[in-house]
C-alpha cells in the first residue's frame, strides 16, 4: 500500500501536529443573562449550570470570563416589567443598560462587551418588534425602536450591538442611527441567518419570554438554505461588520456557505437547546460530557465560524488553557 493515512493518527503528538482545525479561547463568546431585582444567581432549570445573574454575580462571571481569556460576552436583560412597545429597552436605567455599564467598567478592556438589540425580552407579547392593530409585527415601526435602542446601548458602553430581531432593513437603520449620534466606531453584529428553530426552547425560560405563538413571519424557514445566504448578503450590503448564523448545529451548511463567501467575519450561536441536549445526555451517562462539548464547538469552527457564542465559553476556555 502507498496510502496509509493512519500514519498521521498514530500518537497524540502527531494528531495534534496535523490537526486542521483548532479552538482558541479568544474565539469564544459567553451569552449572559442578567435579571432585574435578583440578589443572587437564579438557576435556569432547562439549562443546568446556567443562571440569571444578579449584578453582583455578573461581576464575578465577567472576571472569570476575562481570566479564562475568552473573546467577549453577550448580555441579555431580564426585566421585571414589560409593555407593548418594550419601553425598558430604551430606558438607560433598565437592567440591560445598567448591566452594560457594569460590564464595560469591569472588563471593557479585556473582553468585547456585546448587547442583544431586540425587543422580545421587554415586550409583554414576547415578539421581537411592536405590533400593528391586527397583531402583526410592524417591521418599519420596529426599526424606529431599534434605532433608539442602538443609541442607548452604545451610550451605555456596548462595544458591539447584536441585532437579533430579523427585521428587514435593521442593519441599515441602526447604522444610520449610530452614525447620526456620533457612534461611528460602534460595530454591528447582524444575526443575518436566524432560523425559526425548535432549539430556542430553554432560552425562552432564561429570559422569561412572554411569547404566545411563534416568530415564523420574521425568522427563517428551517428548510431554506439559499434564503439564509440572501439574508447574509443583505446584512453585509447594509453595513454589518460581522454576520451570524443561528442556531449552529442544524445549519452548518448555511454556515459553511457564508464562511466561503462573506467579506466580513462569520459567527455562529450554539443555542440553548444544543447546550441542553448535551447536558441532559451527559447527566444520564449516555455521552462523555467533555468530549461532546469539545467536539460540538470544534464542528462549528470546522464549518467556518470565526467565533462561537456558547454557554460553555468560560469552562471550555479553561480546558483549552
Protein backbone atom coordinates (compact mmCIF):
# COMPACT_ATOMS: atom_id res chain seq x y z
CA UNK A 1 0.00 0.00 0.00
CA UNK A 2 1.15 3.50 -0.86
CA UNK A 3 -1.53 5.37 1.09
CA UNK A 4 -1.54 4.77 4.84
CA UNK A 5 -3.41 7.74 6.37
CA UNK A 6 -3.17 6.13 9.82
CA UNK A 7 0.48 7.16 9.99
CA UNK A 8 -0.70 10.66 10.88
CA UNK A 9 -3.01 9.37 13.64
CA UNK A 10 -0.51 7.18 15.45
CA UNK A 11 0.22 9.30 18.54
CA UNK A 12 -1.38 12.20 20.40
CA UNK A 13 1.57 14.42 19.45
CA UNK A 14 1.22 13.58 15.76
CA UNK A 15 -2.54 14.12 15.81
CA UNK A 16 -2.04 17.49 17.47
CA UNK A 17 0.62 18.48 14.94
CA UNK A 18 -1.54 17.76 11.87
CA UNK A 19 -4.87 18.99 13.30
CA UNK A 20 -6.64 21.07 10.67
CA UNK A 21 -8.98 22.99 12.97
CA UNK A 22 -8.39 24.37 16.44
CA UNK A 23 -10.45 26.18 19.02
CA UNK A 24 -8.88 29.10 20.85
CA UNK A 25 -10.41 30.84 23.88
CA UNK A 26 -10.37 34.18 22.04
CA UNK A 27 -12.85 32.72 19.53
CA UNK A 28 -15.49 32.10 22.21
CA UNK A 29 -18.25 34.46 23.37
CA UNK A 30 -20.29 33.84 26.52
CA UNK A 31 -24.03 34.70 26.50
CA UNK A 32 -25.00 36.10 29.93
CA UNK A 33 -28.46 36.69 31.41
CA UNK A 34 -28.92 39.45 33.98
CA UNK A 35 -32.15 39.59 35.98
CA UNK A 36 -33.57 42.79 37.37
CA UNK A 37 -34.11 42.67 41.14
CA UNK A 38 -32.13 39.47 41.65
CA UNK A 39 -29.96 39.42 44.76
CA UNK A 40 -28.26 36.14 43.91
CA UNK A 41 -27.92 33.90 40.84
CA UNK A 42 -31.18 32.22 39.80
CA UNK A 43 -30.72 28.74 38.22
CA UNK A 44 -32.32 28.05 34.84
CA UNK A 45 -33.86 24.58 35.14
CA UNK A 46 -33.64 23.69 31.44
CA UNK A 47 -30.00 24.80 31.22
CA UNK A 48 -28.10 23.15 34.08
CA UNK A 49 -25.13 25.26 35.10
CA UNK A 50 -26.50 28.47 33.55
CA UNK A 51 -28.11 31.17 35.70
CA UNK A 52 -29.85 34.50 35.60
CA UNK A 53 -27.25 36.72 37.23
CA UNK A 54 -27.65 39.45 39.78
CA UNK A 55 -25.47 42.50 39.20
CA UNK A 56 -23.06 41.24 41.85
CA UNK A 57 -22.77 37.75 40.42
CA UNK A 58 -22.45 39.29 36.95
CA UNK A 59 -19.24 40.98 38.04
CA UNK A 60 -17.79 37.66 39.21
CA UNK A 61 -18.79 35.93 35.96
CA UNK A 62 -17.21 38.71 33.92
CA UNK A 63 -13.94 38.48 35.82
CA UNK A 64 -13.88 34.69 35.41
CA UNK A 65 -14.52 35.04 31.67
CA UNK A 66 -11.74 37.59 31.29
CA UNK A 67 -9.30 35.46 33.26
CA UNK A 68 -10.16 32.47 31.04
CA UNK A 69 -9.20 34.55 28.02
CA UNK A 70 -12.43 34.35 26.04
CA UNK A 71 -13.22 36.94 23.40
CA UNK A 72 -16.35 38.56 24.73
CA UNK A 73 -19.73 38.42 26.46
CA UNK A 74 -23.20 38.92 25.01
CA UNK A 75 -25.60 40.45 27.54
CA UNK A 76 -29.34 39.76 27.76
CA UNK A 77 -31.61 41.60 30.18
CA UNK A 78 -34.47 40.01 32.13
CA UNK A 79 -36.68 42.92 33.26
CA UNK A 80 -39.34 42.91 35.96
CA UNK A 81 -41.84 44.88 33.88
CA UNK A 82 -42.85 44.64 30.23
CA UNK A 83 -45.19 46.54 27.91
CA UNK A 84 -46.40 46.52 24.33
CA UNK A 85 -43.51 48.54 22.89
CA UNK A 86 -40.74 47.27 25.15
CA UNK A 87 -40.15 50.63 26.84
CA UNK A 88 -37.49 49.15 29.10
CA UNK A 89 -35.24 48.51 26.13
CA UNK A 90 -34.61 52.23 25.67
CA UNK A 91 -34.57 53.22 29.34
CA UNK A 92 -30.98 53.97 30.40
CA UNK A 93 -31.82 52.68 33.88
CA UNK A 94 -33.21 49.34 32.64
CA UNK A 95 -31.44 46.13 33.59
CA UNK A 96 -29.73 45.57 30.23
CA UNK A 97 -28.27 49.06 30.03
CA UNK A 98 -27.22 49.04 33.68
CA UNK A 99 -25.57 45.65 33.19
CA UNK A 100 -23.79 47.00 30.13
CA UNK A 101 -22.28 49.84 32.14
CA UNK A 102 -21.22 47.34 34.81
CA UNK A 103 -19.59 45.10 32.22
CA UNK A 104 -17.85 47.96 30.43
CA UNK A 105 -16.46 49.19 33.74
CA UNK A 106 -15.43 45.75 34.96
CA UNK A 107 -13.91 44.12 31.86
CA UNK A 108 -14.32 46.54 28.97
CA UNK A 109 -10.60 46.49 28.29
CA UNK A 110 -10.27 42.70 28.43
CA UNK A 111 -13.46 41.49 26.70
CA UNK A 112 -15.67 42.80 23.92
CA UNK A 113 -18.87 43.78 25.75
CA UNK A 114 -21.79 42.96 23.47
CA UNK A 115 -25.51 43.58 23.86
CA UNK A 116 -28.61 41.91 22.45
CA UNK A 117 -30.50 44.51 20.44
CA UNK A 118 -34.02 43.09 20.31
CA UNK A 119 -37.36 43.81 21.93
CA UNK A 120 -38.53 40.31 22.80
CA UNK A 121 -37.24 40.38 26.39
CA UNK A 122 -39.04 43.68 27.01
CA UNK A 123 -42.44 43.22 25.30
CA UNK A 124 -45.46 41.79 27.07
CA UNK A 125 -46.41 39.87 23.89
CA UNK A 126 -42.90 38.43 23.54
CA UNK A 127 -42.32 39.37 19.92
CA UNK A 128 -39.13 40.98 18.63
CA UNK A 129 -40.98 44.08 17.45
CA UNK A 130 -44.01 46.26 18.02
CA UNK A 131 -47.40 45.07 16.79
CA UNK A 132 -49.85 46.73 14.41
CA UNK A 133 -53.61 46.94 15.14
CA UNK A 134 -54.08 43.44 13.67
CA UNK A 135 -51.48 41.91 15.97
CA UNK A 136 -48.81 41.53 13.28
CA UNK A 137 -45.19 42.57 13.81
CA UNK A 138 -44.81 46.00 12.22
CA UNK A 139 -41.40 45.92 10.55
CA UNK A 140 -40.85 49.65 9.98
CA UNK A 141 -42.26 50.79 13.31
CA UNK A 142 -39.94 48.27 14.95
CA UNK A 143 -36.95 49.80 13.15
CA UNK A 144 -37.68 53.09 14.92
CA UNK A 145 -37.46 51.29 18.26
CA UNK A 146 -34.21 49.61 17.20
CA UNK A 147 -32.71 52.98 16.31
CA UNK A 148 -33.45 54.23 19.81
CA UNK A 149 -32.11 51.06 21.41
CA UNK A 150 -28.88 51.27 19.45
CA UNK A 151 -28.05 54.76 20.65
CA UNK A 152 -28.88 53.95 24.29
CA UNK A 153 -26.84 50.73 24.24
CA UNK A 154 -23.85 52.43 22.64
CA UNK A 155 -24.05 55.26 25.17
CA UNK A 156 -24.15 52.65 27.96
CA UNK A 157 -20.84 51.23 26.78
CA UNK A 158 -21.74 48.40 24.42
CA UNK A 159 -18.80 47.65 22.16
CA UNK A 160 -20.77 45.52 19.68
CA UNK A 161 -24.50 45.60 19.02
CA UNK A 162 -26.08 42.20 18.30
CA UNK A 163 -29.09 42.77 16.06
CA UNK A 164 -31.14 39.61 16.57
CA UNK A 165 -34.68 40.72 15.66
CA UNK A 166 -34.64 39.70 11.97
CA UNK A 167 -36.47 42.81 10.76
CA UNK A 168 -35.92 43.80 7.13
CA UNK A 169 -33.51 46.74 6.95
CA UNK A 170 -32.45 46.58 10.60
CA UNK A 171 -28.72 46.85 9.96
CA UNK A 172 -29.06 49.92 7.73
CA UNK A 173 -31.43 51.59 10.20
CA UNK A 174 -29.18 51.01 13.19
CA UNK A 175 -26.04 52.03 11.30
CA UNK A 176 -27.65 55.32 10.34
CA UNK A 177 -28.82 55.98 13.91
CA UNK A 178 -25.39 55.23 15.38
CA UNK A 179 -23.61 57.43 12.87
CA UNK A 180 -26.05 60.31 13.39
CA UNK A 181 -25.48 60.08 17.16
CA UNK A 182 -21.70 60.12 16.82
CA UNK A 183 -21.13 56.39 17.41
CA UNK A 184 -19.44 55.80 14.08
CA UNK A 185 -16.90 53.43 15.67
CA UNK A 186 -19.51 51.13 17.25
CA UNK A 187 -19.68 47.92 15.17
CA UNK A 188 -22.76 45.86 14.32
CA UNK A 189 -23.20 42.10 14.56
CA UNK A 190 -26.06 41.14 12.28
CA UNK A 191 -27.93 37.96 13.19
CA UNK A 192 -28.33 37.56 9.45
CA UNK A 193 -29.42 33.94 9.08
CA UNK A 194 -31.52 33.33 12.19
CA UNK A 195 -33.89 30.43 11.77
CA UNK A 196 -37.26 29.74 13.41
CA UNK A 197 -35.86 26.85 15.40
CA UNK A 198 -37.22 24.44 17.99
CA UNK A 199 -33.84 24.61 19.71
CA UNK A 200 -34.55 28.00 21.31
CA UNK A 201 -36.84 26.43 23.91
CA UNK A 202 -34.63 26.73 27.01
CA UNK A 203 -33.74 30.34 26.09
CA UNK A 204 -37.40 31.25 26.50
CA UNK A 205 -37.15 30.21 30.14
CA UNK A 206 -33.85 32.04 30.53
CA UNK A 207 -35.35 35.39 29.51
CA UNK A 208 -38.83 34.62 30.93
CA UNK A 209 -40.36 35.10 27.48
CA UNK A 210 -44.00 36.17 27.20
CA UNK A 211 -44.31 34.86 23.64
CA UNK A 212 -47.60 33.37 22.50
CA UNK A 213 -47.45 31.87 19.02
CA UNK A 214 -44.26 31.83 17.00
CA UNK A 215 -41.85 34.05 15.04
CA UNK A 216 -42.09 32.41 11.64
CA UNK A 217 -43.09 35.64 9.87
CA UNK A 218 -39.64 37.08 10.50
CA UNK A 219 -37.24 34.26 11.40
CA UNK A 220 -36.16 31.99 8.55
CA UNK A 221 -37.80 28.74 7.46
CA UNK A 222 -35.50 25.85 8.52
CA UNK A 223 -35.95 24.36 5.02
CA UNK A 224 -34.29 27.29 3.25
CA UNK A 225 -30.56 27.38 2.56
CA UNK A 226 -30.48 29.99 -0.22
CA UNK A 227 -32.65 32.34 1.79
CA UNK A 228 -30.04 32.29 4.53
CA UNK A 229 -27.38 33.29 2.02
CA UNK A 230 -29.59 36.11 0.75
CA UNK A 231 -30.10 37.50 4.25
CA UNK A 232 -26.36 37.40 4.89
CA UNK A 233 -25.66 39.27 1.66
CA UNK A 234 -28.24 41.92 2.58
CA UNK A 235 -26.75 42.49 6.05
CA UNK A 236 -23.26 42.86 4.59
CA UNK A 237 -24.56 45.32 2.00
CA UNK A 238 -26.28 47.34 4.75
CA UNK A 239 -23.07 47.67 6.73
CA UNK A 240 -22.85 44.75 9.15
CA UNK A 241 -19.32 44.37 10.50
CA UNK A 242 -19.94 40.72 11.45
CA UNK A 243 -22.73 38.33 10.46
CA UNK A 244 -24.24 35.46 12.43
CA UNK A 245 -25.80 32.08 11.68
CA UNK A 246 -28.17 30.85 14.40
CA UNK A 247 -28.58 28.07 15.51
CA UNK A 248 -25.28 26.39 14.70
CA UNK A 249 -25.79 22.63 14.86
CA UNK A 250 -28.63 22.22 12.35
CA UNK A 251 -27.34 24.91 9.98
CA UNK A 252 -23.71 24.02 9.40
CA UNK A 253 -24.33 24.05 5.63
CA UNK A 254 -25.57 27.65 5.82
CA UNK A 255 -22.57 28.50 7.98
CA UNK A 256 -20.14 26.92 5.52
CA UNK A 257 -21.76 28.79 2.63
CA UNK A 258 -21.39 32.08 4.50
CA UNK A 259 -17.81 31.42 5.51
CA UNK A 260 -16.89 30.71 1.89
CA UNK A 261 -18.34 33.94 0.52
CA UNK A 262 -18.59 36.59 3.25
CA UNK A 263 -16.14 39.51 3.19
CA UNK A 264 -16.73 40.05 6.93
CA UNK A 265 -16.29 37.66 9.88
CA UNK A 266 -18.93 34.96 10.26
CA UNK A 267 -20.00 33.82 13.73
CA UNK A 268 -22.37 31.11 14.92
CA UNK A 269 -24.53 30.77 18.03
CA UNK A 270 -24.60 27.39 19.76
CA UNK A 271 -28.06 27.91 21.18
CA UNK A 272 -29.76 26.87 24.40
CA UNK A 273 -31.28 23.68 23.02
CA UNK A 274 -27.91 22.47 21.77
CA UNK A 275 -26.49 23.10 25.23
CA UNK A 276 -29.40 21.43 27.00
CA UNK A 277 -29.26 18.26 24.89
CA UNK A 278 -25.60 17.62 25.63
CA UNK A 279 -26.01 18.42 29.32
CA UNK A 280 -29.04 16.11 29.60
CA UNK A 281 -27.36 13.21 27.81
CA UNK A 282 -24.21 13.64 29.86
CA UNK A 283 -26.20 13.75 33.10
CA UNK A 284 -27.62 10.33 32.21
CA UNK A 285 -24.16 8.97 31.48
CA UNK A 286 -25.02 8.43 27.81
CA UNK A 287 -22.14 10.51 26.44
CA UNK A 288 -18.80 11.83 27.63
CA UNK A 289 -19.63 15.46 28.50
CA UNK A 290 -16.21 16.99 28.00
CA UNK A 291 -15.58 15.24 24.70
CA UNK A 292 -19.06 16.10 23.41
CA UNK A 293 -18.67 19.78 24.30
CA UNK A 294 -15.28 19.99 22.61
CA UNK A 295 -16.47 18.11 19.53
CA UNK A 296 -19.60 20.21 19.15
CA UNK A 297 -17.70 23.51 19.21
CA UNK A 298 -14.92 22.13 17.03
CA UNK A 299 -17.52 21.12 14.44
CA UNK A 300 -18.88 24.67 14.33
CA UNK A 301 -15.39 26.05 13.88
CA UNK A 302 -14.61 23.45 11.19
CA UNK A 303 -17.71 24.53 9.26
CA UNK A 304 -16.25 28.02 9.09
CA UNK A 305 -17.27 30.03 12.15
CA UNK A 306 -14.68 32.64 13.08
CA UNK A 307 -16.16 32.78 16.58
CA UNK A 308 -18.78 30.82 18.51
CA UNK A 309 -21.30 32.03 21.06
CA UNK A 310 -21.60 29.19 23.54
CA UNK A 311 -22.77 28.80 27.13
CA UNK A 312 -19.64 26.72 27.76
CA UNK A 313 -17.31 29.56 26.73
CA UNK A 314 -15.59 30.13 30.09
CA UNK A 315 -15.43 26.47 31.05
CA UNK A 316 -14.20 25.43 27.61
CA UNK A 317 -11.57 28.16 27.62
CA UNK A 318 -10.26 26.88 30.95
CA UNK A 319 -9.98 23.38 29.47
CA UNK A 320 -8.12 24.71 26.44
CA UNK A 321 -5.67 26.58 28.62
